[in-house]
């Protein structure tokens, strides 16, 4: 009898990682029945049993989630009803902890026989270590992406496998050998509309200031979607910087490999930039209620994943009010003027990114999940 799996991812990055894992899992279990919620990549592999909801589900920040509480409650109830009817052998939860950990609790209560595997561990080591014992009770196994996470979860009694970061596979396919353009600066404001709204005007002002002092400097930015690229062009035109800043639809990984340096919104893009050896400074801005709530919870020295992975400051972090045009301009200007600083930062970024593990993360995750299917 074919086994059934229910899987949930709530963001584009989770959709991409989930698709790679599902593809590897189906190569081992071609008759596996897959249901759940994710994005276009996962749906292409899983078929009609999986809803595409990420465009609406991918909101960031406490305040933004609270404003849409009714919508999320409705989706939660719908998915729980689907799981009750399906009675899957496995529930696979991909990142997205605000929703997924609550969903795990509901499923554990109603369907104790369903095994629950978490892929891409929530960063409770940053914001709420007190949840670790509860996670150990709810989950059957954690599949983590960073090596420092394994002892944290195992210390709480949760069986954990370090599978490495799926980015390694995805980025290796896009590695190029083009030389860097010494006067090119990358502006990477993130993949969400709110990130672009908060960060891109500041990046444009940094570009204006830097260009006035170094007219030879060129700037490029990439929209994560056609819609976001159009919005970024509107902002660039309003700032009268059309001749200074070029906006493209996509192509961030290619830009990360061509630019001399850059400014990058906190998130997965900071790991991608590090993997390609792009010297950068990190910027982060969210709604103030979200930031103040996070400041009370987060107990780590850095917010940048590459700094956390290194255990030291590899790149500068400009957070909230510190993410201003002057600080970013000064950071970029130093990269452009100081070859030794730029090369040392690149060396440290590449050395830190090497800790993400070798190629094959999707396959290693699928292998770990396959053991549960075979039981």
Protein backbone atom coordinates (compact mmCIF):
# COMPACT_ATOMS: atom_id res chain seq x y z
CA UNK A 1 0.00 0.00 0.00
CA UNK A 2 1.36 3.41 -1.02
CA UNK A 3 2.45 5.67 1.82
CA UNK A 4 0.99 9.19 2.16
CA UNK A 5 2.88 12.35 3.03
CA UNK A 6 1.57 15.81 3.95
CA UNK A 7 4.05 18.68 3.53
CA UNK A 8 3.86 22.41 4.33
CA UNK A 9 6.13 25.24 3.18
CA UNK A 10 5.08 28.88 3.52
CA UNK A 11 7.76 30.86 1.66
CA UNK A 12 9.50 30.83 -1.72
CA UNK A 13 12.79 29.60 -0.25
CA UNK A 14 10.95 26.74 1.51
CA UNK A 15 9.18 25.94 -1.77
CA UNK A 16 12.51 25.67 -3.59
CA UNK A 17 14.10 23.51 -0.88
CA UNK A 18 10.95 21.42 -0.54
CA UNK A 19 10.85 20.79 -4.29
CA UNK A 20 14.43 19.50 -4.29
CA UNK A 21 13.70 17.23 -1.34
CA UNK A 22 10.45 15.89 -2.87
CA UNK A 23 12.16 15.20 -6.19
CA UNK A 24 14.85 13.16 -4.41
CA UNK A 25 12.24 11.42 -2.25
CA UNK A 26 10.12 10.39 -5.26
CA UNK A 27 13.20 8.87 -6.88
CA UNK A 28 13.28 6.50 -3.89
CA UNK A 29 9.50 6.09 -3.47
CA UNK A 30 7.80 6.75 -6.84
CA UNK A 31 4.38 5.63 -5.57
CA UNK A 32 4.39 8.07 -2.63
CA UNK A 33 1.16 10.11 -2.36
CA UNK A 34 1.95 13.77 -1.66
CA UNK A 35 -0.51 16.35 -0.34
CA UNK A 36 -0.10 19.68 1.42
CA UNK A 37 0.70 23.34 0.77
CA UNK A 38 3.69 25.03 -0.77
CA UNK A 39 4.57 26.97 -3.88
CA UNK A 40 4.78 26.54 -7.66
CA UNK A 41 7.92 24.38 -7.62
CA UNK A 42 6.53 21.90 -5.10
CA UNK A 43 3.17 21.79 -6.88
CA UNK A 44 4.87 20.98 -10.18
CA UNK A 45 6.36 17.88 -8.56
CA UNK A 46 3.50 16.86 -6.25
CA UNK A 47 0.55 17.66 -8.53
CA UNK A 48 -3.00 18.69 -7.64
CA UNK A 49 -2.85 17.34 -4.09
CA UNK A 50 -0.64 20.28 -3.10
CA UNK A 51 -2.01 23.85 -2.96
CA UNK A 52 0.12 26.82 -4.04
CA UNK A 53 -0.28 29.42 -1.29
CA UNK A 54 3.17 30.97 -0.77
CA UNK A 55 2.49 34.29 -2.47
CA UNK A 56 -0.17 35.06 0.15
CA UNK A 57 1.42 33.16 3.06
CA UNK A 58 4.90 34.69 2.91
CA UNK A 59 4.48 37.63 5.28
CA UNK A 60 7.22 38.67 7.67
CA UNK A 61 6.92 40.15 11.13
CA UNK A 62 4.60 39.91 14.11
CA UNK A 63 2.51 42.96 13.21
CA UNK A 64 2.01 41.85 9.61
CA UNK A 65 0.85 38.38 10.73
CA UNK A 66 -1.56 39.79 13.33
CA UNK A 67 -3.24 41.95 10.70
CA UNK A 68 -4.07 38.79 8.73
CA UNK A 69 -4.88 36.50 11.63
CA UNK A 70 -8.32 35.54 10.26
CA UNK A 71 -6.87 34.48 6.91
CA UNK A 72 -4.19 32.32 8.54
CA UNK A 73 -6.74 30.75 10.92
CA UNK A 74 -8.90 29.75 7.97
CA UNK A 75 -5.98 28.15 6.11
CA UNK A 76 -4.89 26.35 9.31
CA UNK A 77 -8.36 24.85 9.80
CA UNK A 78 -8.60 23.80 6.14
CA UNK A 79 -5.23 22.03 6.22
CA UNK A 80 -5.97 20.32 9.52
CA UNK A 81 -9.22 18.99 8.02
CA UNK A 82 -7.22 17.65 5.06
CA UNK A 83 -4.77 15.89 7.38
CA UNK A 84 -7.63 14.37 9.40
CA UNK A 85 -9.12 12.94 6.21
CA UNK A 86 -5.81 11.76 4.74
CA UNK A 87 -4.26 10.34 7.94
CA UNK A 88 -0.76 10.60 6.42
CA UNK A 89 2.11 8.40 7.48
CA UNK A 90 4.39 11.43 7.60
CA UNK A 91 3.98 15.17 8.12
CA UNK A 92 6.94 17.15 6.75
CA UNK A 93 7.18 20.76 7.93
CA UNK A 94 9.56 23.07 6.07
CA UNK A 95 10.79 26.14 7.98
CA UNK A 96 7.91 28.66 8.55
CA UNK A 97 7.83 28.09 12.34
CA UNK A 98 5.03 30.48 13.37
CA UNK A 99 2.51 28.36 11.47
CA UNK A 100 4.22 24.98 11.33
CA UNK A 101 4.96 24.48 15.02
CA UNK A 102 1.33 25.18 15.89
CA UNK A 103 0.28 22.79 13.16
CA UNK A 104 2.61 20.11 14.55
CA UNK A 105 0.96 20.47 17.96
CA UNK A 106 -2.53 20.05 16.49
CA UNK A 107 -1.56 17.00 14.44
CA UNK A 108 0.31 15.36 17.33
CA UNK A 109 -2.82 15.75 19.46
CA UNK A 110 -5.29 14.43 16.87
CA UNK A 111 -3.18 11.90 14.93
CA UNK A 112 -0.49 10.58 17.27
CA UNK A 113 0.42 7.81 14.83
CA UNK A 114 1.59 10.32 12.16
CA UNK A 115 5.37 10.85 12.29
CA UNK A 116 6.39 14.52 12.18
CA UNK A 117 9.69 15.53 10.56
CA UNK A 118 10.89 19.13 10.52
CA UNK A 119 13.09 20.14 7.58
CA UNK A 120 14.99 23.44 7.84
CA UNK A 121 14.92 23.97 11.56
CA UNK A 122 13.29 27.06 13.07
CA UNK A 123 15.84 29.37 14.63
CA UNK A 124 14.69 28.86 18.20
CA UNK A 125 18.35 29.01 19.27
CA UNK A 126 18.07 32.72 18.45
CA UNK A 127 14.67 33.72 19.77
CA UNK A 128 13.22 31.14 22.16
CA UNK A 129 15.31 28.26 23.49
CA UNK A 130 12.51 27.62 25.96
CA UNK A 131 10.55 26.01 23.12
CA UNK A 132 13.13 23.26 22.62
CA UNK A 133 11.64 20.77 25.14
CA UNK A 134 8.19 21.22 23.60
CA UNK A 135 9.61 20.65 20.10
CA UNK A 136 11.29 17.49 21.35
CA UNK A 137 7.88 16.22 22.47
CA UNK A 138 6.09 17.19 19.24
CA UNK A 139 8.63 16.14 16.59
CA UNK A 140 10.12 12.77 15.67
CA UNK A 141 13.19 14.15 13.91
CA UNK A 142 14.80 17.47 13.03
CA UNK A 143 16.72 17.90 9.76
CA UNK A 144 18.94 20.95 10.20
CA UNK A 145 20.98 23.00 7.72
CA UNK A 146 23.71 24.39 9.97
CA UNK A 147 26.26 22.28 11.87
CA UNK A 148 25.93 24.28 15.11
CA UNK A 149 22.20 23.43 15.31
CA UNK A 150 22.61 19.66 15.74
CA UNK A 151 24.00 19.70 19.32
CA UNK A 152 21.40 22.31 20.35
CA UNK A 153 18.42 20.17 19.32
CA UNK A 154 20.00 16.88 20.45
CA UNK A 155 20.70 18.46 23.84
CA UNK A 156 16.93 18.92 24.21
CA UNK A 157 16.31 15.25 23.39
CA UNK A 158 15.23 15.69 19.75
CA UNK A 159 16.85 13.27 17.25
CA UNK A 160 18.60 15.50 14.72
CA UNK A 161 20.39 15.02 11.40
CA UNK A 162 22.65 17.67 9.86
CA UNK A 163 21.92 17.44 6.13
CA UNK A 164 23.77 20.56 4.98
CA UNK A 165 22.30 23.57 3.22
CA UNK A 166 20.32 23.06 -0.03
CA UNK A 167 21.71 26.37 -1.26
CA UNK A 168 25.00 24.64 -2.00
CA UNK A 169 23.39 22.50 -4.72
CA UNK A 170 21.29 25.33 -6.09
CA UNK A 171 24.13 27.86 -6.19
CA UNK A 172 26.78 25.50 -7.54
CA UNK A 173 24.69 25.11 -10.70
CA UNK A 174 24.92 28.87 -11.23
CA UNK A 175 28.61 29.33 -10.52
CA UNK A 176 30.35 31.31 -13.25
CA UNK A 177 33.97 32.29 -13.85
CA UNK A 178 33.37 35.87 -15.01
CA UNK A 179 35.80 38.50 -13.63
CA UNK A 180 34.42 41.01 -11.15
CA UNK A 181 33.75 44.57 -12.33
CA UNK A 182 35.78 46.76 -10.00
CA UNK A 183 33.39 49.74 -9.91
CA UNK A 184 30.12 47.81 -9.79
CA UNK A 185 28.01 47.81 -6.59
CA UNK A 186 25.09 45.39 -6.05
CA UNK A 187 21.94 46.64 -4.32
CA UNK A 188 19.92 43.66 -3.04
CA UNK A 189 16.88 44.79 -1.02
CA UNK A 190 15.19 41.41 -0.53
CA UNK A 191 12.41 39.41 -2.14
CA UNK A 192 9.36 40.83 -0.31
CA UNK A 193 7.45 44.00 -1.12
CA UNK A 194 7.77 45.33 2.43
CA UNK A 195 11.54 44.77 2.43
CA UNK A 196 11.88 46.67 -0.83
CA UNK A 197 9.66 49.49 0.48
CA UNK A 198 11.73 49.85 3.65
CA UNK A 199 15.23 49.27 2.29
CA UNK A 200 15.48 50.23 -1.36
CA UNK A 201 14.96 54.02 -0.95
CA UNK A 202 17.79 54.00 1.63
CA UNK A 203 19.98 52.01 -0.79
CA UNK A 204 19.23 54.51 -3.56
CA UNK A 205 20.25 57.42 -1.33
CA UNK A 206 23.49 55.58 -0.48
CA UNK A 207 24.09 55.15 -4.21
CA UNK A 208 23.47 58.88 -4.81
CA UNK A 209 25.97 59.87 -2.13
CA UNK A 210 28.61 57.41 -3.29
CA UNK A 211 28.19 58.30 -6.97
CA UNK A 212 28.60 62.01 -6.23
CA UNK A 213 32.04 61.24 -4.71
CA UNK A 214 33.00 58.43 -7.14
CA UNK A 215 31.31 59.15 -10.50
CA UNK A 216 32.87 56.04 -12.01
CA UNK A 217 30.83 53.83 -9.67
CA UNK A 218 27.90 51.93 -11.22
CA UNK A 219 25.01 50.30 -9.41
CA UNK A 220 22.77 47.36 -10.29
CA UNK A 221 19.75 45.94 -8.47
CA UNK A 222 17.62 42.85 -9.10
CA UNK A 223 13.90 42.45 -8.53
CA UNK A 224 12.94 39.02 -7.19
CA UNK A 225 9.86 39.18 -9.45
CA UNK A 226 8.72 41.24 -12.43
CA UNK A 227 6.32 43.10 -10.12
CA UNK A 228 9.06 43.96 -7.62
CA UNK A 229 11.46 45.02 -10.38
CA UNK A 230 8.79 47.39 -11.73
CA UNK A 231 8.31 48.88 -8.27
CA UNK A 232 12.08 49.32 -7.88
CA UNK A 233 12.22 51.13 -11.24
CA UNK A 234 9.47 53.48 -10.03
CA UNK A 235 11.48 54.27 -6.89
CA UNK A 236 14.64 54.78 -8.94
CA UNK A 237 12.88 57.15 -11.31
CA UNK A 238 11.36 59.10 -8.41
CA UNK A 239 14.88 59.47 -6.97
CA UNK A 240 16.14 60.70 -10.38
CA UNK A 241 18.76 57.93 -10.46
CA UNK A 242 17.78 56.16 -13.71
CA UNK A 243 21.18 56.97 -15.21
CA UNK A 244 23.03 55.67 -12.14
CA UNK A 245 21.15 52.53 -11.03
CA UNK A 246 20.21 49.73 -13.42
CA UNK A 247 17.30 47.45 -12.43
CA UNK A 248 16.92 43.95 -13.86
CA UNK A 249 14.22 41.28 -13.57
CA UNK A 250 15.97 38.55 -11.57
CA UNK A 251 19.63 37.62 -12.02
CA UNK A 252 20.75 38.18 -8.42
CA UNK A 253 23.17 35.25 -8.41
CA UNK A 254 24.84 36.45 -11.58
CA UNK A 255 25.14 39.97 -10.13
CA UNK A 256 26.62 38.60 -6.90
CA UNK A 257 29.43 37.12 -8.98
CA UNK A 258 30.09 40.25 -11.09
CA UNK A 259 29.90 43.05 -8.52
CA UNK A 260 32.89 44.30 -6.55
CA UNK A 261 30.80 44.69 -3.39
CA UNK A 262 27.20 45.17 -2.30
CA UNK A 263 24.55 45.86 0.31
CA UNK A 264 22.23 42.93 1.08
CA UNK A 265 18.97 42.61 3.02
CA UNK A 266 19.17 40.18 5.93
CA UNK A 267 17.99 36.71 4.95
CA UNK A 268 18.91 33.89 2.60
CA UNK A 269 20.51 36.32 0.14
CA UNK A 270 23.28 36.97 2.66
CA UNK A 271 24.25 33.28 2.52
CA UNK A 272 24.08 33.34 -1.28
CA UNK A 273 26.31 36.41 -1.45
CA UNK A 274 28.78 34.78 0.93
CA UNK A 275 28.86 31.57 -1.10
CA UNK A 276 29.80 33.59 -4.19
CA UNK A 277 32.38 35.62 -2.25
CA UNK A 278 30.68 39.01 -2.63
CA UNK A 279 31.93 41.47 0.03
CA UNK A 280 28.85 43.16 1.47
CA UNK A 281 27.24 44.91 4.40
CA UNK A 282 23.96 43.63 5.81
CA UNK A 283 20.86 45.77 6.39
CA UNK A 284 17.70 44.93 8.30
CA UNK A 285 14.51 46.91 8.92
CA UNK A 286 11.07 45.73 10.05
CA UNK A 287 8.04 47.42 11.62
CA UNK A 288 8.99 48.87 15.01
CA UNK A 289 6.52 46.70 17.01
CA UNK A 290 8.06 43.63 15.37
CA UNK A 291 11.59 44.83 16.08
CA UNK A 292 10.90 45.67 19.73
CA UNK A 293 9.22 42.29 20.28
CA UNK A 294 12.16 40.52 18.63
CA UNK A 295 14.69 42.51 20.67
CA UNK A 296 13.10 41.16 23.85
CA UNK A 297 13.30 37.57 22.59
CA UNK A 298 16.52 37.33 20.58
CA UNK A 299 19.51 36.51 22.74
CA UNK A 300 22.30 36.24 20.18
CA UNK A 301 25.05 38.68 19.26
CA UNK A 302 24.41 38.79 15.50
CA UNK A 303 21.37 38.58 13.21
CA UNK A 304 23.31 37.82 10.02
CA UNK A 305 23.40 34.09 9.29
CA UNK A 306 26.96 34.27 8.00
CA UNK A 307 28.14 35.98 11.22
CA UNK A 308 26.26 33.41 13.32
CA UNK A 309 27.79 30.57 11.31
CA UNK A 310 31.28 32.05 11.69
CA UNK A 311 30.81 32.81 15.37
CA UNK A 312 32.29 36.26 14.77
CA UNK A 313 31.64 39.46 12.81
CA UNK A 314 32.54 38.80 9.17
CA UNK A 315 30.27 41.48 7.69
CA UNK A 316 28.92 44.73 9.15
CA UNK A 317 25.29 44.67 10.27
CA UNK A 318 23.18 47.84 10.07
CA UNK A 319 19.88 47.26 11.92
CA UNK A 320 16.76 49.46 12.06
CA UNK A 321 17.82 53.13 12.49
CA UNK A 322 21.46 52.20 11.81
CA UNK A 323 20.45 51.07 8.32
CA UNK A 324 20.90 54.60 6.98
CA UNK A 325 22.44 56.00 3.77
CA UNK A 326 25.55 57.40 5.47
CA UNK A 327 26.64 54.17 7.16
CA UNK A 328 25.95 52.07 4.05
CA UNK A 329 27.75 54.54 1.79
CA UNK A 330 30.80 54.52 4.07
CA UNK A 331 30.87 50.71 4.16
CA UNK A 332 30.65 50.44 0.37
CA UNK A 333 33.22 53.19 -0.15
CA UNK A 334 35.72 51.31 2.00
CA UNK A 335 35.25 48.13 -0.06
CA UNK A 336 35.85 50.08 -3.27
CA UNK A 337 38.87 52.02 -1.98
CA UNK A 338 40.63 49.34 0.10
CA UNK A 339 41.63 46.28 -1.93
CA UNK A 340 43.08 44.47 1.09
CA UNK A 341 39.86 44.93 3.12
CA UNK A 342 37.74 43.75 0.19
CA UNK A 343 39.86 40.64 -0.43
CA UNK A 344 40.09 39.72 3.25
CA UNK A 345 36.31 39.98 3.58
CA UNK A 346 35.89 37.80 0.49
CA UNK A 347 38.28 35.18 1.91
CA UNK A 348 36.44 35.06 5.25
CA UNK A 349 33.04 34.83 3.54
CA UNK A 350 34.12 31.88 1.39
CA UNK A 351 35.67 30.10 4.38
CA UNK A 352 32.48 30.52 6.41
CA UNK A 353 30.20 29.47 3.53
CA UNK A 354 32.23 26.23 3.24
CA UNK A 355 30.68 25.20 6.60
CA UNK A 356 27.28 24.86 4.90
CA UNK A 357 28.21 21.33 3.80
CA UNK A 358 28.92 19.83 0.38
CA UNK A 359 26.50 19.15 -2.48
CA UNK A 360 23.69 16.66 -1.90
CA UNK A 361 21.60 18.26 0.88
CA UNK A 362 18.29 17.42 -0.84
CA UNK A 363 19.34 13.81 -1.21
CA UNK A 364 20.54 13.58 2.39
CA UNK A 365 17.22 15.02 3.60
CA UNK A 366 15.28 12.59 1.40
CA UNK A 367 17.38 9.68 2.70
CA UNK A 368 16.57 10.61 6.31
CA UNK A 369 12.84 10.87 5.48
CA UNK A 370 12.97 7.63 3.51
CA UNK A 371 13.96 5.73 6.65
CA UNK A 372 10.64 6.71 8.21
CA UNK A 373 8.72 5.68 5.12
CA UNK A 374 10.39 2.28 5.11
CA UNK A 375 9.55 1.55 8.74
